[in-house]
Amino acid sequence: MTAITWPRELVDPAIAAAPTGAAAPAGLPAFAETLLTTAWAQSSVRTFAATTNLGIASTRIAVVGAGALGAALARLLRTAGARVVVHSDDPRELVAFAVDGFDTASTFALAADTGAAFVTGEASRALRTGDVPSGAHGTLVVVDAGPAAPATDLRTTAAPVRAGLAQIDGAQAVVLDVRSNEDGAYARTVASLGRAWESARTAHPDQPLAAESAFAEAVIA
């Protein structure tokens, strides 16, 4: 499994030209990464729904990558009614998902009846054109949800299908890049976390554990 390193522009206010506009104070507690991961997963699912106008319920959706982001996406998509299959080429990473009731696949190859595939960047390599079925049942949407860098390596045609969607060469499939099409909700979430953290640190100067506890109370309230 490839651990995600969150881009500095998403969490460091010293970088003024953040592509996403997300900037929160540096030094967020380690447990805040769970909040960042969940927020990015929510934005990825929301971007997919808004860009494609496709339904999620009863759709077979692949999650490629069995790390923390993959887990967050799998839970969100299952809650929305999707038939989720978690993919990884390392079966050891899939055990926890299988125990949790998810279907799993120890391959990158997507099944022909897959309606969408969320690719997290946590797998051992990027999703490639050869992993996408050429004879998909309907148009398959590959969602590149890598927060730091592209999680896919797909050949696409020059002309976009429509705003936000590029045709994958040789397949009845398109790719959606979340980083380029996210609506700004993630940035607002990060900013909100930043304000909560600053408030907690101000209320408990020189008391890091108390500040972390106050921050945790604020975000779960």
Protein backbone atom coordinates (compact mmCIF):
# COMPACT_ATOMS: atom_id res chain seq x y z
CA MET A 1 0.00 0.00 0.00
CA THR A 2 1.25 3.46 -0.88
CA ALA A 3 0.63 5.91 1.95
CA ILE A 4 -0.81 9.23 0.88
CA THR A 5 1.27 12.28 1.68
CA TRP A 6 -1.13 15.19 1.76
CA PRO A 7 0.03 18.10 -0.40
CA ARG A 8 1.50 20.90 1.68
CA GLU A 9 -0.80 23.41 -0.01
CA LEU A 10 -3.76 21.64 1.59
CA VAL A 11 -2.52 22.07 5.15
CA ASP A 12 0.16 24.78 5.22
CA PRO A 13 -0.87 28.47 5.23
CA ALA A 14 2.66 29.50 4.21
CA ILE A 15 1.83 28.45 0.65
CA ALA A 16 -0.27 31.30 -0.65
CA ALA A 17 -1.11 29.96 -4.10
CA ALA A 18 -2.91 26.82 -3.05
CA PRO A 19 -4.58 25.25 -6.11
CA THR A 20 -7.56 24.18 -4.05
CA GLY A 21 -7.66 27.31 -1.95
CA ALA A 22 -7.38 25.11 1.13
CA ALA A 23 -5.09 26.43 3.83
CA ALA A 24 -5.08 25.50 7.49
CA PRO A 25 -2.52 26.19 10.20
CA ALA A 26 0.46 23.89 10.13
CA GLY A 27 0.85 21.55 13.08
CA LEU A 28 -2.62 20.04 13.06
CA PRO A 29 -2.76 17.01 15.40
CA ALA A 30 -2.01 13.66 13.77
CA PHE A 31 -5.58 12.46 14.23
CA ALA A 32 -6.75 15.30 11.99
CA GLU A 33 -5.58 13.26 8.99
CA THR A 34 -8.69 11.12 9.47
CA LEU A 35 -10.78 14.26 9.09
CA LEU A 36 -8.85 15.34 5.99
CA THR A 37 -9.23 11.89 4.45
CA THR A 38 -12.97 11.78 5.09
CA ALA A 39 -13.45 15.29 3.75
CA TRP A 40 -11.56 14.44 0.55
CA ALA A 41 -13.58 11.24 0.11
CA GLN A 42 -16.81 13.19 0.51
CA SER A 43 -15.64 15.77 -2.03
CA SER A 44 -14.68 13.01 -4.47
CA VAL A 45 -18.11 11.39 -4.29
CA ARG A 46 -19.84 14.77 -4.52
CA THR A 47 -17.73 15.76 -7.55
CA PHE A 48 -18.61 12.49 -9.27
CA ALA A 49 -22.32 12.98 -8.67
CA ALA A 50 -22.33 16.64 -9.74
CA THR A 51 -20.22 16.13 -12.88
CA THR A 52 -21.84 12.96 -14.21
CA ASN A 53 -25.43 13.15 -12.92
CA LEU A 54 -25.19 9.37 -12.50
CA GLY A 55 -26.80 7.48 -9.67
CA ILE A 56 -24.80 5.56 -7.09
CA ALA A 57 -27.45 3.25 -5.61
CA SER A 58 -27.24 -0.34 -6.92
CA THR A 59 -24.25 0.54 -9.14
CA ARG A 60 -21.15 -1.64 -9.05
CA ILE A 61 -18.39 0.74 -8.01
CA ALA A 62 -14.73 -0.18 -7.69
CA VAL A 63 -12.43 1.42 -5.16
CA VAL A 64 -8.82 0.96 -6.27
CA GLY A 65 -6.52 1.30 -3.28
CA ALA A 66 -6.98 -0.25 0.14
CA GLY A 67 -5.64 2.47 2.40
CA ALA A 68 -7.36 5.04 4.59
CA LEU A 69 -8.84 6.95 1.63
CA GLY A 70 -10.01 3.71 0.05
CA ALA A 71 -11.72 2.76 3.31
CA ALA A 72 -13.43 6.16 3.59
CA LEU A 73 -14.66 5.97 -0.01
CA ALA A 74 -15.85 2.39 0.37
CA ARG A 75 -17.91 3.27 3.45
CA LEU A 76 -19.44 6.38 1.86
CA LEU A 77 -20.33 4.59 -1.36
CA ARG A 78 -21.83 1.59 0.43
CA THR A 79 -23.91 3.92 2.60
CA ALA A 80 -25.20 5.50 -0.63
CA GLY A 81 -26.31 2.08 -1.83
CA ALA A 82 -23.47 1.14 -4.18
CA ARG A 83 -22.23 -2.42 -4.67
CA VAL A 84 -18.63 -1.75 -3.69
CA VAL A 85 -15.63 -3.84 -4.73
CA VAL A 86 -12.26 -2.92 -3.21
CA HIS A 87 -9.24 -3.62 -5.43
CA SER A 88 -5.62 -4.13 -4.41
CA ASP A 89 -2.84 -6.31 -5.81
CA ASP A 90 -1.81 -7.16 -2.23
CA PRO A 91 -4.38 -9.56 -0.71
CA ARG A 92 -3.13 -8.71 2.78
CA GLU A 93 -4.58 -5.23 2.41
CA LEU A 94 -7.99 -6.66 1.55
CA VAL A 95 -8.53 -8.79 4.65
CA ALA A 96 -10.01 -5.97 6.76
CA PHE A 97 -12.37 -5.02 3.93
CA ALA A 98 -13.54 -8.61 3.49
CA VAL A 99 -14.17 -8.91 7.22
CA ASP A 100 -16.22 -5.71 6.99
CA GLY A 101 -18.42 -7.30 4.33
CA PHE A 102 -16.97 -5.71 1.18
CA ASP A 103 -16.37 -7.64 -2.02
CA THR A 104 -12.67 -7.59 -2.90
CA ALA A 105 -10.47 -8.20 -5.93
CA SER A 106 -6.71 -8.80 -5.84
CA THR A 107 -6.20 -7.30 -9.28
CA PHE A 108 -6.30 -3.89 -10.93
CA ALA A 109 -8.48 -5.14 -13.80
CA LEU A 110 -12.01 -3.71 -13.62
CA ALA A 111 -15.01 -5.92 -14.33
CA ALA A 112 -17.07 -5.16 -17.43
CA ASP A 113 -20.16 -4.31 -15.35
CA THR A 114 -18.34 -1.68 -13.27
CA GLY A 115 -20.21 1.61 -13.44
CA ALA A 116 -17.53 3.74 -11.77
CA ALA A 117 -14.08 3.31 -10.30
CA PHE A 118 -12.60 5.59 -7.64
CA VAL A 119 -8.80 5.44 -7.76
CA THR A 120 -7.10 6.64 -4.59
CA GLY A 121 -3.38 6.66 -5.30
CA GLU A 122 -2.80 4.17 -2.47
CA ALA A 123 -2.18 1.17 -4.73
CA SER A 124 1.27 -0.03 -5.78
CA ARG A 125 0.87 1.61 -9.19
CA ALA A 126 -1.46 3.87 -11.11
CA LEU A 127 -4.54 2.53 -12.88
CA ARG A 128 -3.64 2.05 -16.54
CA THR A 129 -5.61 1.99 -19.76
CA GLY A 130 -5.21 -1.79 -19.96
CA ASP A 131 -7.03 -2.17 -16.62
CA VAL A 132 -10.17 -0.59 -18.08
CA PRO A 133 -12.50 -3.00 -19.92
CA SER A 134 -12.91 -2.10 -23.59
CA GLY A 135 -16.40 -3.57 -23.69
CA ALA A 136 -17.90 -2.04 -20.58
CA HIS A 137 -21.64 -2.30 -20.03
CA GLY A 138 -22.46 1.36 -20.58
CA THR A 139 -19.98 4.17 -20.01
CA LEU A 140 -17.57 3.53 -17.16
CA VAL A 141 -16.47 6.59 -15.19
CA VAL A 142 -12.97 6.41 -13.73
CA VAL A 143 -12.65 8.92 -10.88
CA ASP A 144 -9.05 9.98 -10.23
CA ALA A 145 -9.32 10.79 -6.52
CA GLY A 146 -5.60 11.03 -5.79
CA PRO A 147 -5.28 14.11 -3.54
CA ALA A 148 -1.59 14.76 -4.13
CA ALA A 149 -0.89 13.51 -7.64
CA PRO A 150 -2.62 11.62 -10.45
CA ALA A 151 -3.64 8.11 -9.42
CA THR A 152 -4.24 7.06 -13.03
CA ASP A 153 -2.09 6.69 -16.12
CA LEU A 154 -4.71 6.63 -18.87
CA ARG A 155 -4.49 7.44 -22.55
CA THR A 156 -7.21 9.94 -23.36
CA THR A 157 -8.45 11.53 -26.56
CA ALA A 158 -7.74 15.19 -27.23
CA ALA A 159 -11.29 16.52 -27.08
CA PRO A 160 -13.15 16.29 -23.73
CA VAL A 161 -16.50 14.52 -23.71
CA ARG A 162 -17.83 17.45 -21.72
CA ALA A 163 -16.56 19.70 -18.97
CA GLY A 164 -14.55 17.66 -16.50
CA LEU A 165 -14.67 14.38 -18.43
CA ALA A 166 -12.01 13.05 -20.82
CA GLN A 167 -12.58 10.05 -23.09
CA ILE A 168 -10.29 7.08 -22.39
CA ASP A 169 -8.74 5.90 -25.63
CA GLY A 170 -9.98 2.51 -26.84
CA ALA A 171 -12.58 2.05 -24.12
CA GLN A 172 -16.18 2.99 -23.49
CA ALA A 173 -15.05 4.97 -20.51
CA VAL A 174 -14.22 8.48 -19.33
CA VAL A 175 -11.98 9.84 -16.59
CA LEU A 176 -12.81 12.55 -14.06
CA ASP A 177 -10.01 14.35 -12.21
CA VAL A 178 -11.28 15.36 -8.77
CA ARG A 179 -8.40 17.77 -8.14
CA SER A 180 -9.38 19.88 -11.15
CA ASN A 181 -13.15 19.73 -10.63
CA GLU A 182 -13.72 19.74 -6.87
CA ASP A 183 -16.22 22.45 -5.91
CA GLY A 184 -14.28 24.02 -3.06
CA ALA A 185 -16.09 22.21 -0.24
CA TYR A 186 -12.88 20.48 0.77
CA ALA A 187 -11.10 23.82 1.06
CA ARG A 188 -13.89 25.15 3.27
CA THR A 189 -13.66 22.09 5.50
CA VAL A 190 -9.91 22.49 5.88
CA ALA A 191 -10.34 26.19 6.69
CA SER A 192 -12.93 25.31 9.31
CA LEU A 193 -10.55 22.79 10.88
CA GLY A 194 -7.87 25.45 10.88
CA ARG A 195 -10.06 27.90 12.74
CA ALA A 196 -10.98 25.26 15.32
CA TRP A 197 -7.32 24.37 15.84
CA GLU A 198 -6.25 28.00 16.22
CA SER A 199 -9.02 28.57 18.72
CA ALA A 200 -7.99 25.51 20.73
CA ARG A 201 -4.33 26.55 20.76
CA THR A 202 -5.23 30.09 21.80
CA ALA A 203 -7.38 28.81 24.65
CA HIS A 204 -4.66 26.42 25.87
CA PRO A 205 -1.27 28.00 25.20
CA ASP A 206 1.69 25.79 26.12
CA GLN A 207 -0.72 22.93 26.85
CA PRO A 208 -0.60 20.78 23.71
CA LEU A 209 -2.65 17.89 25.09
CA ALA A 210 -5.38 20.21 26.33
CA ALA A 211 -5.39 22.01 22.97
CA GLU A 212 -5.74 18.71 21.12
CA SER A 213 -8.59 17.64 23.38
CA ALA A 214 -10.39 20.96 22.87
CA PHE A 215 -9.89 20.67 19.11
CA ALA A 216 -11.27 17.12 19.13
CA GLU A 217 -14.30 18.24 21.14
CA ALA A 218 -14.93 21.05 18.65
CA VAL A 219 -14.83 18.86 15.55
CA ILE A 220 -17.07 16.11 16.95
CA ALA A 221 -19.60 18.50 18.50
